[in-house]
Amino acid sequence: ERELQQIEGLAVDWAAVADLPAAAARCDALVLSGTDYNPALAQALARPDSRVRWLQLLSAGYELLQVHGVPAQVEVTNAGSVWSPTVAEHAMGLMLAMVRRLPKVLAAQATAHWDGSIRHDMDVLFGGHLVIVGMGSIGRELARRAHAFGMRVTGVSRSGRPHPDADAVLPVTRLHEALAQADVVVSAVPGS
């Protein structure tokens, strides 16, 4: 009997990941995270007895599919921008933790000793300049949230085309120029 683990209301069968190559012979579709795609599964999908014609990723990333290859008869869809708001909020949380020096504050709290000098190291996001490298769906969501915090936003993209959620967008050839002006930089580009 397999152990199931509950994650945010979903039952995850970790042992089933190892069974994915065998499932290719009896399933028409597979649903998995892009990080679960491996050479064994890629080989199984390429076999003549594979029935799989659709691979749905629960993640936005599909780097491992590019690395290991996907047979032409298999349609791949991903979660796309569904995770973009969550990732953007996480980035905002990390930015706030950075400027408010939360690691230092939490360390002082853990020792039950307040170091009054911490407050002199704290800063605010308001009025700061955020450079977002990659103006896809995550960059767009992050720019919206940064504007709500009173930040100026410069995007960096391959094309450098204007984006409605950024104050300015520079082409990647001007990356160093953008970085020199930044108070905070967030990389929102694909992993590969």
Protein backbone atom coordinates (compact mmCIF):
# COMPACT_ATOMS: atom_id res chain seq x y z
CA GLU A 1 0.00 0.00 0.00
CA ARG A 2 1.36 3.41 -0.97
CA GLU A 3 1.64 6.29 1.43
CA LEU A 4 -0.24 9.41 0.42
CA GLN A 5 0.83 12.80 1.66
CA GLN A 6 -1.63 15.71 1.88
CA ILE A 7 -0.31 18.94 0.41
CA GLU A 8 -2.69 21.88 0.35
CA GLY A 9 -5.68 19.57 -0.02
CA LEU A 10 -4.12 17.39 -2.75
CA ALA A 11 -3.16 13.77 -2.20
CA VAL A 12 0.36 13.28 -3.54
CA ASP A 13 1.59 9.74 -4.15
CA TRP A 14 5.38 10.14 -4.23
CA ALA A 15 5.95 6.48 -5.18
CA ALA A 16 3.80 7.02 -8.28
CA VAL A 17 6.44 9.32 -9.75
CA ALA A 18 8.69 6.28 -10.18
CA ASP A 19 5.77 4.50 -11.92
CA LEU A 20 5.31 7.19 -14.58
CA PRO A 21 7.38 5.42 -17.26
CA ALA A 22 5.27 2.26 -16.86
CA ALA A 23 2.07 4.33 -16.97
CA ALA A 24 2.98 5.55 -20.47
CA ALA A 25 1.87 2.20 -21.91
CA ARG A 26 -1.60 2.35 -20.35
CA CYS A 27 -2.54 6.04 -20.08
CA ASP A 28 -3.65 8.56 -22.68
CA ALA A 29 -2.53 11.51 -20.60
CA LEU A 30 -0.20 12.23 -17.69
CA VAL A 31 -0.42 15.05 -15.18
CA LEU A 32 2.80 15.85 -13.36
CA SER A 33 5.17 18.56 -12.25
CA GLY A 34 7.81 19.59 -14.75
CA THR A 35 10.44 18.62 -12.17
CA ASP A 36 9.23 14.98 -12.30
CA TYR A 37 10.08 14.62 -15.98
CA ASN A 38 13.19 12.46 -16.33
CA PRO A 39 15.11 10.46 -18.95
CA ALA A 40 13.23 7.24 -18.12
CA LEU A 41 9.87 8.90 -18.74
CA ALA A 42 11.12 10.55 -21.95
CA GLN A 43 12.26 7.14 -23.23
CA ALA A 44 8.94 5.53 -22.23
CA LEU A 45 6.96 8.19 -24.12
CA ALA A 46 9.06 7.54 -27.22
CA ARG A 47 8.35 3.79 -27.25
CA PRO A 48 5.88 2.52 -29.87
CA ASP A 49 3.56 1.08 -27.19
CA SER A 50 3.17 4.46 -25.42
CA ARG A 51 -0.44 5.66 -25.45
CA VAL A 52 0.31 9.08 -23.99
CA ARG A 53 -0.75 11.91 -26.27
CA TRP A 54 -1.05 14.70 -23.68
CA LEU A 55 1.27 15.77 -20.91
CA GLN A 56 -0.19 18.38 -18.52
CA LEU A 57 2.33 20.07 -16.23
CA LEU A 58 1.27 21.39 -12.84
CA SER A 59 4.16 23.81 -13.05
CA ALA A 60 4.92 26.71 -15.35
CA GLY A 61 8.48 25.51 -15.92
CA TYR A 62 9.27 22.89 -18.52
CA GLU A 63 13.05 23.03 -18.63
CA LEU A 64 13.50 19.29 -18.06
CA LEU A 65 11.22 18.52 -21.00
CA GLN A 66 13.55 20.59 -23.18
CA VAL A 67 16.58 18.79 -21.78
CA HIS A 68 15.23 15.24 -22.14
CA GLY A 69 13.00 15.78 -25.18
CA VAL A 70 9.33 15.04 -25.83
CA PRO A 71 8.12 12.93 -28.77
CA ALA A 72 6.27 14.89 -31.47
CA GLN A 73 3.00 12.99 -30.91
CA VAL A 74 2.77 14.23 -27.29
CA GLU A 75 1.02 17.57 -26.74
CA VAL A 76 2.44 19.46 -23.75
CA THR A 77 0.52 22.06 -21.77
CA ASN A 78 1.70 23.77 -18.60
CA ALA A 79 0.23 25.78 -15.76
CA GLY A 80 1.41 28.92 -17.54
CA SER A 81 0.75 32.09 -15.63
CA VAL A 82 -1.43 30.48 -12.97
CA TRP A 83 1.46 30.71 -10.47
CA SER A 84 2.47 34.27 -11.42
CA PRO A 85 0.47 36.09 -8.70
CA THR A 86 1.82 33.74 -6.03
CA VAL A 87 5.42 34.13 -7.20
CA ALA A 88 5.02 37.92 -7.41
CA GLU A 89 3.65 38.08 -3.86
CA HIS A 90 6.50 35.91 -2.65
CA ALA A 91 8.99 38.26 -4.32
CA MET A 92 7.31 41.25 -2.64
CA GLY A 93 7.54 39.45 0.71
CA LEU A 94 11.25 38.83 0.20
CA MET A 95 11.79 42.45 -0.82
CA LEU A 96 10.02 43.64 2.33
CA ALA A 97 12.04 41.24 4.47
CA MET A 98 15.21 42.61 2.91
CA VAL A 99 14.52 46.33 3.39
CA ARG A 100 12.98 45.87 6.85
CA ARG A 101 15.95 43.66 7.88
CA LEU A 102 13.65 40.89 9.10
CA PRO A 103 16.40 38.24 9.44
CA LYS A 104 18.24 40.55 11.85
CA VAL A 105 15.01 41.41 13.69
CA LEU A 106 14.09 37.73 14.06
CA ALA A 107 17.58 36.87 15.29
CA ALA A 108 17.27 39.57 17.96
CA GLN A 109 13.81 38.31 18.87
CA ALA A 110 15.13 34.76 19.27
CA THR A 111 17.65 35.97 21.85
CA ALA A 112 15.03 38.17 23.56
CA HIS A 113 17.35 41.13 23.11
CA TRP A 114 16.42 44.15 21.03
CA ASP A 115 19.31 45.88 19.35
CA GLY A 116 18.10 49.43 18.83
CA SER A 117 20.61 49.98 16.05
CA ILE A 118 18.57 47.67 13.80
CA ARG A 119 16.10 50.46 13.13
CA HIS A 120 18.88 52.54 11.56
CA ASP A 121 19.50 49.77 9.01
CA MET A 122 15.84 49.56 7.98
CA ASP A 123 14.58 51.07 4.77
CA VAL A 124 11.30 51.23 2.82
CA LEU A 125 10.26 50.17 -0.65
CA PHE A 126 8.32 53.42 -1.21
CA GLY A 127 10.21 55.61 -3.65
CA GLY A 128 12.62 52.82 -4.55
CA HIS A 129 13.51 51.65 -8.03
CA LEU A 130 12.77 48.03 -8.91
CA VAL A 131 14.36 46.46 -11.97
CA ILE A 132 12.57 43.34 -13.19
CA VAL A 133 14.61 41.22 -15.57
CA GLY A 134 11.97 39.38 -17.57
CA MET A 135 8.62 41.06 -18.22
CA GLY A 136 6.51 37.96 -18.73
CA SER A 137 3.53 37.08 -16.56
CA ILE A 138 5.54 37.07 -13.32
CA GLY A 139 7.21 40.37 -14.17
CA ARG A 140 3.82 41.91 -14.96
CA GLU A 141 2.30 40.78 -11.65
CA LEU A 142 5.35 41.95 -9.72
CA ALA A 143 5.31 45.37 -11.42
CA ARG A 144 1.67 45.86 -10.41
CA ARG A 145 2.42 45.06 -6.78
CA ALA A 146 5.56 47.20 -6.72
CA HIS A 147 3.60 50.21 -8.02
CA ALA A 148 1.13 49.71 -5.14
CA PHE A 149 4.12 50.13 -2.83
CA GLY A 150 5.10 53.39 -4.55
CA MET A 151 8.07 51.98 -6.43
CA ARG A 152 9.32 52.98 -9.85
CA VAL A 153 9.60 49.94 -12.13
CA THR A 154 11.98 49.34 -15.02
CA GLY A 155 11.59 46.13 -16.95
CA VAL A 156 14.30 44.44 -18.96
CA SER A 157 13.21 42.19 -21.80
CA ARG A 158 14.62 40.74 -25.00
CA SER A 159 12.67 43.19 -27.14
CA GLY A 160 12.66 46.26 -24.90
CA ARG A 161 9.10 47.00 -26.07
CA PRO A 162 7.04 49.21 -23.73
CA HIS A 163 4.92 47.38 -21.19
CA PRO A 164 1.82 48.93 -19.61
CA ASP A 165 2.83 47.79 -16.10
CA ALA A 166 6.39 49.19 -16.21
CA ASP A 167 7.50 52.81 -16.13
CA ALA A 168 10.20 51.93 -18.64
CA VAL A 169 11.41 48.83 -20.45
CA LEU A 170 14.94 48.41 -21.72
CA PRO A 171 16.26 45.75 -24.06
CA VAL A 172 18.53 43.12 -22.56
CA THR A 173 21.46 44.81 -24.32
CA ARG A 174 21.03 47.65 -21.76
CA LEU A 175 20.85 45.35 -18.73
CA HIS A 176 23.93 46.84 -17.04
CA GLU A 177 22.47 50.32 -17.39
CA ALA A 178 19.27 49.18 -15.69
CA LEU A 179 21.13 47.38 -12.90
CA ALA A 180 23.18 50.50 -12.13
CA GLN A 181 19.96 52.42 -11.37
CA ALA A 182 18.26 49.72 -9.26
CA ASP A 183 17.58 49.62 -5.55
CA VAL A 184 16.17 46.11 -5.94
CA VAL A 185 16.54 43.60 -8.80
CA VAL A 186 14.27 40.62 -9.41
CA SER A 187 15.07 38.02 -12.03
CA ALA A 188 11.88 36.60 -13.55
CA VAL A 189 13.37 34.72 -16.49
CA PRO A 190 13.04 31.02 -17.34
CA GLY A 191 15.51 28.66 -15.69
CA SER A 192 17.19 27.65 -18.91
